[in-house]
Amino acid sequence: MRQMLRQQLQELSSLIWKMGDSDQLIMGSYYQVYKTCTQPKCRCQQGQKHGPFPALSWSVDGKKRMVMVRQEDAAMVARKAAAYRQFQKNLTAMRRLMGSIDELIVKIRSLLLQEYQ
C-alpha cells in the first residue's frame, strides 16, 4: 500500500507541476459559427450561411454566454481556450487522485493502529 501511495503522490506532483506550468487561460470553448443575415434575397436564406466566424462560449451560473472573436485574435483565443480545457482535465484528475490518496492513507492508518491495553 505504501508503494501505491508513493506512486499516487508522484502522479499528483506531476499534475500539479503541469497545472503550474500552464499557458494563460481563457475560460470557454472556441468554435466556428455560421450565421444568417436579414436580407431576404441573400444566399444565406437558402441555407448557404455566412462564415465561419470565430466565437467563444462559456457558462456562468448555468447561463450560456457567447462572444464573437476578432479574426486577428482567433489563434490566440483558440490556444488559450485549449489550455483552459486541459487545465480543467488536470484539475479533475487531481481531485480524483486526492480522493484515492485519502482512501489509501485511511487504510494504512487502520493497519498500523493499535489499541493500548
N, C-alpha and C. Protein backbone atom coordinates (compact mmCIF):
# COMPACT_ATOMS: atom_id res chain seq x y z
N MET A 1 0.82 -1.19 0.00
CA MET A 1 0.00 0.00 0.00
C MET A 1 0.87 1.26 0.00
N ARG A 2 1.98 1.20 0.72
CA ARG A 2 2.86 2.37 0.74
C ARG A 2 3.42 2.66 -0.64
N GLN A 3 3.71 1.60 -1.38
CA GLN A 3 4.21 1.78 -2.75
C GLN A 3 3.14 2.43 -3.63
N MET A 4 1.90 1.99 -3.47
CA MET A 4 0.80 2.61 -4.21
C MET A 4 0.66 4.09 -3.84
N LEU A 5 0.79 4.37 -2.54
CA LEU A 5 0.70 5.74 -2.07
C LEU A 5 1.82 6.59 -2.68
N ARG A 6 3.02 6.07 -2.67
CA ARG A 6 4.16 6.79 -3.23
C ARG A 6 3.93 7.09 -4.72
N GLN A 7 3.43 6.09 -5.45
CA GLN A 7 3.17 6.26 -6.88
C GLN A 7 2.09 7.32 -7.11
N GLN A 8 1.04 7.28 -6.32
CA GLN A 8 -0.04 8.26 -6.49
C GLN A 8 0.42 9.67 -6.11
N LEU A 9 1.27 9.77 -5.11
CA LEU A 9 1.81 11.08 -4.75
C LEU A 9 2.69 11.64 -5.86
N GLN A 10 3.44 10.77 -6.54
CA GLN A 10 4.25 11.21 -7.67
C GLN A 10 3.36 11.69 -8.81
N GLU A 11 2.28 10.97 -9.08
CA GLU A 11 1.32 11.39 -10.11
C GLU A 11 0.70 12.74 -9.75
N LEU A 12 0.35 12.90 -8.49
CA LEU A 12 -0.22 14.17 -8.02
C LEU A 12 0.77 15.30 -8.21
N SER A 13 2.00 15.07 -7.84
CA SER A 13 3.04 16.09 -8.00
C SER A 13 3.21 16.46 -9.47
N SER A 14 3.21 15.47 -10.33
CA SER A 14 3.34 15.72 -11.77
C SER A 14 2.18 16.57 -12.29
N LEU A 15 0.96 16.24 -11.88
CA LEU A 15 -0.21 17.01 -12.30
C LEU A 15 -0.12 18.46 -11.81
N ILE A 16 0.30 18.64 -10.57
CA ILE A 16 0.39 19.99 -10.02
C ILE A 16 1.42 20.81 -10.79
N TRP A 17 2.56 20.21 -11.13
CA TRP A 17 3.57 20.94 -11.91
C TRP A 17 3.04 21.28 -13.30
N LYS A 18 2.32 20.36 -13.92
CA LYS A 18 1.74 20.64 -15.24
C LYS A 18 0.78 21.82 -15.15
N MET A 19 -0.04 21.83 -14.11
CA MET A 19 -1.01 22.91 -13.96
C MET A 19 -0.31 24.24 -13.70
N GLY A 20 0.76 24.20 -12.94
CA GLY A 20 1.52 25.41 -12.64
C GLY A 20 2.25 25.95 -13.85
N ASP A 21 2.62 25.08 -14.77
CA ASP A 21 3.35 25.49 -15.98
C ASP A 21 2.42 25.78 -17.15
N SER A 22 1.14 25.83 -16.90
CA SER A 22 0.16 26.05 -17.96
C SER A 22 0.32 27.41 -18.61
N ASP A 23 -0.09 27.50 -19.88
CA ASP A 23 -0.17 28.79 -20.57
C ASP A 23 -1.27 29.63 -19.92
N GLN A 24 -1.39 30.86 -20.37
CA GLN A 24 -2.50 31.69 -19.95
C GLN A 24 -3.80 31.02 -20.40
N LEU A 25 -4.87 31.21 -19.64
CA LEU A 25 -6.13 30.52 -19.89
C LEU A 25 -7.24 31.51 -20.25
N ILE A 26 -8.12 31.07 -21.12
CA ILE A 26 -9.37 31.78 -21.36
C ILE A 26 -10.49 30.77 -21.15
N MET A 27 -11.40 31.08 -20.23
CA MET A 27 -12.49 30.16 -19.94
C MET A 27 -13.45 30.13 -21.12
N GLY A 28 -13.77 28.93 -21.56
CA GLY A 28 -14.76 28.78 -22.61
C GLY A 28 -14.33 27.83 -23.70
N SER A 29 -15.23 27.64 -24.64
CA SER A 29 -14.98 26.78 -25.79
C SER A 29 -14.89 27.64 -27.04
N TYR A 30 -13.82 27.44 -27.78
CA TYR A 30 -13.62 28.16 -29.03
C TYR A 30 -14.21 27.32 -30.15
N TYR A 31 -14.96 27.96 -31.04
CA TYR A 31 -15.52 27.24 -32.18
C TYR A 31 -15.84 28.21 -33.30
N GLN A 32 -16.30 27.69 -34.41
CA GLN A 32 -16.65 28.50 -35.58
C GLN A 32 -18.17 28.57 -35.69
N VAL A 33 -18.69 29.76 -36.01
CA VAL A 33 -20.13 30.00 -36.11
C VAL A 33 -20.47 30.37 -37.55
N TYR A 34 -21.58 29.85 -38.03
CA TYR A 34 -22.13 30.24 -39.33
C TYR A 34 -23.43 30.99 -39.05
N LYS A 35 -23.65 32.10 -39.75
CA LYS A 35 -24.81 32.95 -39.46
C LYS A 35 -25.65 33.24 -40.69
N THR A 36 -26.87 33.65 -40.43
CA THR A 36 -27.76 34.14 -41.48
C THR A 36 -27.98 35.63 -41.23
N CYS A 37 -28.21 36.37 -42.30
CA CYS A 37 -28.46 37.81 -42.17
C CYS A 37 -29.95 38.08 -42.37
N THR A 38 -30.31 39.34 -42.42
CA THR A 38 -31.73 39.69 -42.52
C THR A 38 -32.16 40.05 -43.94
N GLN A 39 -31.23 40.02 -44.89
CA GLN A 39 -31.60 40.38 -46.27
C GLN A 39 -32.37 39.22 -46.91
N PRO A 40 -33.57 39.50 -47.40
CA PRO A 40 -34.44 38.43 -47.89
C PRO A 40 -33.90 37.67 -49.11
N LYS A 41 -33.14 38.30 -49.99
CA LYS A 41 -32.66 37.62 -51.19
C LYS A 41 -31.23 37.11 -51.06
N CYS A 42 -30.70 37.13 -49.87
CA CYS A 42 -29.31 36.68 -49.64
C CYS A 42 -29.22 35.16 -49.74
N ARG A 43 -28.06 34.68 -50.12
CA ARG A 43 -27.82 33.24 -50.26
C ARG A 43 -28.00 32.50 -48.93
N CYS A 44 -27.79 33.21 -47.82
CA CYS A 44 -27.91 32.55 -46.52
C CYS A 44 -29.36 32.16 -46.22
N GLN A 45 -30.31 32.81 -46.85
CA GLN A 45 -31.72 32.48 -46.63
C GLN A 45 -32.08 31.14 -47.30
N GLN A 46 -31.27 30.71 -48.26
CA GLN A 46 -31.48 29.42 -48.92
C GLN A 46 -30.59 28.33 -48.31
N GLY A 47 -29.93 28.62 -47.19
CA GLY A 47 -29.16 27.59 -46.50
C GLY A 47 -27.66 27.73 -46.59
N GLN A 48 -27.14 28.60 -47.44
CA GLN A 48 -25.69 28.78 -47.56
C GLN A 48 -25.28 29.94 -46.64
N LYS A 49 -25.04 29.62 -45.38
CA LYS A 49 -24.82 30.64 -44.36
C LYS A 49 -23.47 31.34 -44.51
N HIS A 50 -23.38 32.53 -43.89
CA HIS A 50 -22.14 33.30 -43.87
C HIS A 50 -21.20 32.73 -42.82
N GLY A 51 -19.91 32.80 -43.09
CA GLY A 51 -18.95 32.35 -42.09
C GLY A 51 -17.94 31.43 -42.70
N PRO A 52 -17.16 30.83 -41.93
CA PRO A 52 -17.22 30.73 -40.47
C PRO A 52 -16.64 31.96 -39.78
N PHE A 53 -17.19 32.26 -38.60
CA PHE A 53 -16.72 33.34 -37.76
C PHE A 53 -16.28 32.74 -36.43
N PRO A 54 -15.12 33.16 -35.91
CA PRO A 54 -14.65 32.61 -34.62
C PRO A 54 -15.50 33.11 -33.46
N ALA A 55 -15.77 32.22 -32.52
CA ALA A 55 -16.58 32.58 -31.35
C ALA A 55 -16.07 31.83 -30.12
N LEU A 56 -16.45 32.35 -28.96
CA LEU A 56 -16.09 31.76 -27.69
C LEU A 56 -17.35 31.69 -26.84
N SER A 57 -17.62 30.52 -26.26
CA SER A 57 -18.80 30.41 -25.39
C SER A 57 -18.39 29.81 -24.06
N TRP A 58 -19.15 30.15 -23.01
CA TRP A 58 -18.90 29.65 -21.67
C TRP A 58 -20.19 29.77 -20.87
N SER A 59 -20.22 29.13 -19.72
CA SER A 59 -21.39 29.20 -18.84
C SER A 59 -21.03 29.90 -17.55
N VAL A 60 -21.94 30.76 -17.09
CA VAL A 60 -21.80 31.43 -15.81
C VAL A 60 -23.11 31.26 -15.07
N ASP A 61 -23.05 30.62 -13.91
CA ASP A 61 -24.25 30.37 -13.10
C ASP A 61 -25.33 29.69 -13.92
N GLY A 62 -24.95 28.75 -14.76
CA GLY A 62 -25.90 27.99 -15.56
C GLY A 62 -26.40 28.71 -16.80
N LYS A 63 -25.94 29.91 -17.03
CA LYS A 63 -26.37 30.66 -18.22
C LYS A 63 -25.24 30.66 -19.24
N LYS A 64 -25.59 30.35 -20.46
CA LYS A 64 -24.60 30.29 -21.52
C LYS A 64 -24.33 31.69 -22.07
N ARG A 65 -23.07 32.00 -22.22
CA ARG A 65 -22.63 33.27 -22.79
C ARG A 65 -21.84 32.99 -24.05
N MET A 66 -21.87 33.92 -24.99
CA MET A 66 -21.10 33.77 -26.22
C MET A 66 -20.62 35.15 -26.66
N VAL A 67 -19.41 35.18 -27.17
CA VAL A 67 -18.86 36.41 -27.71
C VAL A 67 -18.15 36.08 -29.02
N MET A 68 -18.29 36.96 -29.97
CA MET A 68 -17.59 36.78 -31.24
C MET A 68 -16.14 37.22 -31.03
N VAL A 69 -15.21 36.52 -31.66
CA VAL A 69 -13.78 36.78 -31.50
C VAL A 69 -13.27 37.50 -32.74
N ARG A 70 -12.48 38.53 -32.53
CA ARG A 70 -11.88 39.22 -33.67
C ARG A 70 -10.98 38.25 -34.42
N GLN A 71 -10.99 38.33 -35.72
CA GLN A 71 -10.21 37.42 -36.57
C GLN A 71 -8.74 37.43 -36.19
N GLU A 72 -8.19 38.60 -35.87
CA GLU A 72 -6.77 38.68 -35.53
C GLU A 72 -6.45 38.05 -34.17
N ASP A 73 -7.46 37.84 -33.33
CA ASP A 73 -7.27 37.20 -32.03
C ASP A 73 -7.63 35.72 -32.04
N ALA A 74 -8.12 35.20 -33.14
CA ALA A 74 -8.66 33.85 -33.19
C ALA A 74 -7.65 32.79 -32.76
N ALA A 75 -6.44 32.84 -33.28
CA ALA A 75 -5.43 31.81 -32.95
C ALA A 75 -5.08 31.87 -31.47
N MET A 76 -4.92 33.07 -30.92
CA MET A 76 -4.59 33.23 -29.51
C MET A 76 -5.72 32.72 -28.62
N VAL A 77 -6.95 33.07 -28.95
CA VAL A 77 -8.10 32.63 -28.16
C VAL A 77 -8.25 31.11 -28.23
N ALA A 78 -8.07 30.54 -29.41
CA ALA A 78 -8.16 29.08 -29.56
C ALA A 78 -7.11 28.39 -28.70
N ARG A 79 -5.88 28.91 -28.69
CA ARG A 79 -4.80 28.32 -27.90
C ARG A 79 -5.10 28.42 -26.41
N LYS A 80 -5.55 29.58 -25.95
CA LYS A 80 -5.82 29.78 -24.52
C LYS A 80 -7.05 29.01 -24.06
N ALA A 81 -8.04 28.86 -24.93
CA ALA A 81 -9.22 28.06 -24.58
C ALA A 81 -8.86 26.58 -24.49
N ALA A 82 -7.97 26.12 -25.37
CA ALA A 82 -7.50 24.73 -25.31
C ALA A 82 -6.69 24.51 -24.03
N ALA A 83 -5.89 25.50 -23.64
CA ALA A 83 -5.11 25.40 -22.39
C ALA A 83 -6.06 25.33 -21.19
N TYR A 84 -7.15 26.08 -21.24
CA TYR A 84 -8.15 26.05 -20.17
C TYR A 84 -8.78 24.66 -20.07
N ARG A 85 -9.14 24.10 -21.22
CA ARG A 85 -9.75 22.77 -21.25
C ARG A 85 -8.79 21.73 -20.66
N GLN A 86 -7.50 21.81 -21.00
CA GLN A 86 -6.52 20.88 -20.46
C GLN A 86 -6.33 21.09 -18.96
N PHE A 87 -6.32 22.34 -18.53
CA PHE A 87 -6.20 22.64 -17.11
C PHE A 87 -7.36 22.02 -16.33
N GLN A 88 -8.57 22.14 -16.86
CA GLN A 88 -9.74 21.58 -16.21
C GLN A 88 -9.66 20.05 -16.12
N LYS A 89 -9.16 19.41 -17.20
CA LYS A 89 -9.00 17.96 -17.18
C LYS A 89 -7.99 17.56 -16.11
N ASN A 90 -6.89 18.30 -16.01
CA ASN A 90 -5.88 18.00 -14.99
C ASN A 90 -6.44 18.24 -13.58
N LEU A 91 -7.26 19.26 -13.42
CA LEU A 91 -7.86 19.55 -12.12
C LEU A 91 -8.80 18.41 -11.71
N THR A 92 -9.58 17.90 -12.63
CA THR A 92 -10.47 16.77 -12.35
C THR A 92 -9.66 15.54 -11.97
N ALA A 93 -8.59 15.27 -12.72
CA ALA A 93 -7.73 14.12 -12.42
C ALA A 93 -7.07 14.29 -11.05
N MET A 94 -6.65 15.50 -10.73
CA MET A 94 -6.02 15.77 -9.44
C MET A 94 -6.99 15.52 -8.30
N ARG A 95 -8.22 15.97 -8.43
CA ARG A 95 -9.22 15.77 -7.38
C ARG A 95 -9.53 14.29 -7.18
N ARG A 96 -9.63 13.56 -8.29
CA ARG A 96 -9.88 12.12 -8.20
C ARG A 96 -8.71 11.42 -7.50
N LEU A 97 -7.51 11.82 -7.85
CA LEU A 97 -6.31 11.23 -7.27
C LEU A 97 -6.21 11.55 -5.78
N MET A 98 -6.58 12.76 -5.40
CA MET A 98 -6.54 13.13 -3.99
C MET A 98 -7.51 12.29 -3.16
N GLY A 99 -8.66 11.97 -3.74
CA GLY A 99 -9.61 11.09 -3.05
C GLY A 99 -9.04 9.70 -2.87
N SER A 100 -8.37 9.22 -3.89
CA SER A 100 -7.74 7.89 -3.82
C SER A 100 -6.61 7.88 -2.79
N ILE A 101 -5.84 8.96 -2.74
CA ILE A 101 -4.75 9.06 -1.76
C ILE A 101 -5.33 9.07 -0.35
N ASP A 102 -6.40 9.80 -0.15
CA ASP A 102 -7.05 9.85 1.16
C ASP A 102 -7.51 8.46 1.60
N GLU A 103 -8.11 7.71 0.67
CA GLU A 103 -8.55 6.34 1.00
C GLU A 103 -7.37 5.45 1.37
N LEU A 104 -6.27 5.56 0.64
CA LEU A 104 -5.08 4.76 0.96
C LEU A 104 -4.52 5.10 2.34
N ILE A 105 -4.49 6.38 2.67
CA ILE A 105 -3.96 6.79 3.97
C ILE A 105 -4.84 6.25 5.09
N VAL A 106 -6.14 6.27 4.90
CA VAL A 106 -7.06 5.73 5.91
C VAL A 106 -6.83 4.23 6.08
N LYS A 107 -6.63 3.51 4.98
CA LYS A 107 -6.36 2.07 5.06
C LYS A 107 -5.03 1.79 5.77
N ILE A 108 -4.02 2.57 5.43
CA ILE A 108 -2.71 2.39 6.08
C ILE A 108 -2.83 2.66 7.58
N ARG A 109 -3.56 3.71 7.93
CA ARG A 109 -3.75 4.02 9.35
C ARG A 109 -4.45 2.88 10.07
N SER A 110 -5.47 2.29 9.45
CA SER A 110 -6.20 1.19 10.10
C SER A 110 -5.31 -0.03 10.29
N LEU A 111 -4.36 -0.25 9.37
CA LEU A 111 -3.44 -1.38 9.51
C LEU A 111 -2.40 -1.13 10.60
N LEU A 112 -2.02 0.12 10.80
CA LEU A 112 -0.99 0.46 11.76
C LEU A 112 -1.54 0.71 13.17
N LEU A 113 -2.80 1.02 13.26
CA LEU A 113 -3.40 1.43 14.52
C LEU A 113 -3.51 0.26 15.49
N GLN A 114 -3.08 0.51 16.72
CA GLN A 114 -3.19 -0.49 17.78
C GLN A 114 -3.95 0.13 18.94
N GLU A 115 -4.60 -0.72 19.65
CA GLU A 115 -5.26 -0.27 20.89
C GLU A 115 -4.33 -0.55 22.04
N TYR A 116 -4.25 0.39 22.92
CA TYR A 116 -3.45 0.18 24.13
C TYR A 116 -4.29 -0.58 25.15
N GLN A 117 -3.68 -1.62 25.69
CA GLN A 117 -4.42 -2.42 26.68
C GLN A 117 -3.64 -2.53 27.96
